[in-house]
Amino acid sequence: MEKRRQMNKKTIGKMLTRKHTDFLKSIDSEEIKKLIDTNSIITGGAIVSMLLNEKVNDYDYYFTDKDTCKKVAQYFMDKWNIAHPQGVGKCPADGKPIRPYIEEEEKTQ
C-alpha cells in the first residue's frame, strides 16, 4: 500500500494565498475586495484535504464581522439577480419573477 505524503504548512499557506488572490480578482467592486481581504479567513475541509494530499472540493470563507458578511452576501445576490432576470420561478399570485433577497432577522433572547 502506497503511503501518501502530507503537504506541509508552508505549501498549504501558499496555495491558500493563491486561491484567495484568484477569488479577489474575480470581484469587480474595490469595496468588497477590501472587505474580503481584510475581514475573512479560509478554514474548513480544504485545509484537511490539503494536509492529507486529497482533492479540495471547496474553500470555506468566514467573515470576522456582521457588516462584511452582509455586504458580501448582497454583492453576490445582486450579481445573481442580474445574471438571472427570470428569477427562480414565477409567483403564482401575479406571475412576476421570484428573486432571491437577503433578509436579516433580529435576534431575540
Protein backbone atom coordinates (compact mmCIF):
# COMPACT_ATOMS: atom_id res chain seq x y z
CA MET A 1 0.00 0.00 0.00
CA GLU A 2 1.38 3.39 -1.02
CA LYS A 3 1.82 5.95 1.74
CA ARG A 4 0.68 9.48 0.84
CA ARG A 5 2.95 12.40 1.57
CA GLN A 6 1.38 15.06 3.68
CA MET A 7 1.56 18.62 2.48
CA ASN A 8 3.49 20.98 4.75
CA LYS A 9 2.17 24.16 6.37
CA LYS A 10 4.21 26.47 4.12
CA THR A 11 2.90 24.86 0.92
CA ILE A 12 -0.69 24.98 2.18
CA GLY A 13 -0.26 28.66 3.04
CA LYS A 14 0.99 29.43 -0.47
CA MET A 15 -1.88 27.53 -2.08
CA LEU A 16 -4.49 29.28 0.07
CA THR A 17 -2.93 32.67 -0.69
CA ARG A 18 -3.08 31.92 -4.42
CA LYS A 19 -6.73 30.79 -4.24
CA HIS A 20 -7.62 33.86 -2.18
CA THR A 21 -5.88 36.17 -4.69
CA ASP A 22 -7.70 34.50 -7.59
CA PHE A 23 -11.02 34.91 -5.76
CA LEU A 24 -10.37 38.60 -5.16
CA LYS A 25 -9.51 39.10 -8.85
CA SER A 26 -12.97 37.79 -9.76
CA ILE A 27 -14.68 40.61 -7.83
CA ASP A 28 -15.30 43.92 -9.60
CA SER A 29 -16.03 46.02 -6.50
CA GLU A 30 -12.99 47.50 -4.77
CA GLU A 31 -15.00 47.90 -1.55
CA ILE A 32 -15.98 44.20 -1.49
CA LYS A 33 -12.44 43.11 -2.39
CA LYS A 34 -11.04 45.12 0.51
CA LEU A 35 -13.66 43.81 2.95
CA ILE A 36 -12.98 40.19 1.99
CA ASP A 37 -9.22 40.67 2.04
CA THR A 38 -9.28 42.36 5.45
CA ASN A 39 -12.15 40.64 7.26
CA SER A 40 -12.12 36.97 6.30
CA ILE A 41 -10.34 33.71 6.91
CA ILE A 42 -10.29 30.49 4.94
CA THR A 43 -10.90 27.41 7.03
CA GLY A 44 -12.65 24.06 6.95
CA GLY A 45 -12.25 20.89 4.97
CA ALA A 46 -9.97 22.37 2.32
CA ILE A 47 -7.13 22.56 4.81
CA VAL A 48 -7.69 18.99 5.98
CA SER A 49 -7.80 17.81 2.35
CA MET A 50 -4.51 19.59 1.64
CA LEU A 51 -2.90 18.10 4.73
CA LEU A 52 -3.91 14.64 3.52
CA ASN A 53 -2.95 15.45 -0.07
CA GLU A 54 -6.53 14.91 -1.24
CA LYS A 55 -8.64 16.79 -3.79
CA VAL A 56 -10.07 20.06 -2.44
CA ASN A 57 -13.80 20.40 -3.10
CA ASP A 58 -14.28 23.99 -1.96
CA TYR A 59 -12.92 26.73 0.24
CA ASP A 60 -14.87 27.95 3.27
CA TYR A 61 -14.68 31.66 3.99
CA TYR A 62 -15.63 33.02 7.37
CA PHE A 63 -16.11 36.73 7.94
CA THR A 64 -14.90 38.40 11.09
CA ASP A 65 -17.82 40.83 11.38
CA LYS A 66 -21.51 41.04 10.52
CA ASP A 67 -21.21 44.13 8.29
CA THR A 68 -18.71 42.39 5.99
CA CYS A 69 -20.93 39.32 5.81
CA LYS A 70 -23.99 41.39 4.86
CA LYS A 71 -22.15 43.44 2.22
CA VAL A 72 -20.50 40.41 0.61
CA ALA A 73 -23.79 38.49 0.58
CA GLN A 74 -25.58 41.47 -1.00
CA TYR A 75 -22.86 41.83 -3.64
CA PHE A 76 -23.21 38.21 -4.75
CA MET A 77 -27.02 38.27 -4.52
CA ASP A 78 -27.10 41.33 -6.78
CA LYS A 79 -24.77 39.58 -9.26
CA TRP A 80 -27.02 36.50 -9.24
CA ASN A 81 -30.18 38.53 -9.79
CA ILE A 82 -28.62 40.42 -12.71
CA ALA A 83 -27.49 37.15 -14.31
CA HIS A 84 -30.93 35.56 -13.78
CA PRO A 85 -33.57 38.19 -14.62
CA GLN A 86 -36.18 35.44 -14.89
CA GLY A 87 -35.71 34.73 -11.17
CA VAL A 88 -36.07 31.28 -9.67
CA GLY A 89 -39.66 30.87 -10.80
CA LYS A 90 -42.89 32.83 -11.07
CA CYS A 91 -45.13 34.00 -8.27
CA PRO A 92 -48.44 32.10 -8.50
CA ALA A 93 -50.41 35.18 -7.44
CA ASP A 94 -49.16 37.68 -10.02
CA GLY A 95 -46.80 35.83 -12.38
CA LYS A 96 -43.85 38.10 -11.54
CA PRO A 97 -40.38 36.56 -11.24
CA ILE A 98 -39.37 35.38 -7.78
CA ARG A 99 -35.94 36.77 -6.97
CA PRO A 100 -33.80 35.79 -4.01
CA TYR A 101 -33.10 38.50 -1.49
CA ILE A 102 -31.30 38.81 1.78
CA GLU A 103 -33.36 39.22 4.90
CA GLU A 104 -31.85 39.90 8.26
CA GLU A 105 -33.66 38.53 11.27
CA GLU A 106 -33.46 40.31 14.57
CA LYS A 107 -32.02 38.11 17.26
CA THR A 108 -34.38 37.58 20.17
CA GLN A 109 -33.28 36.44 23.58
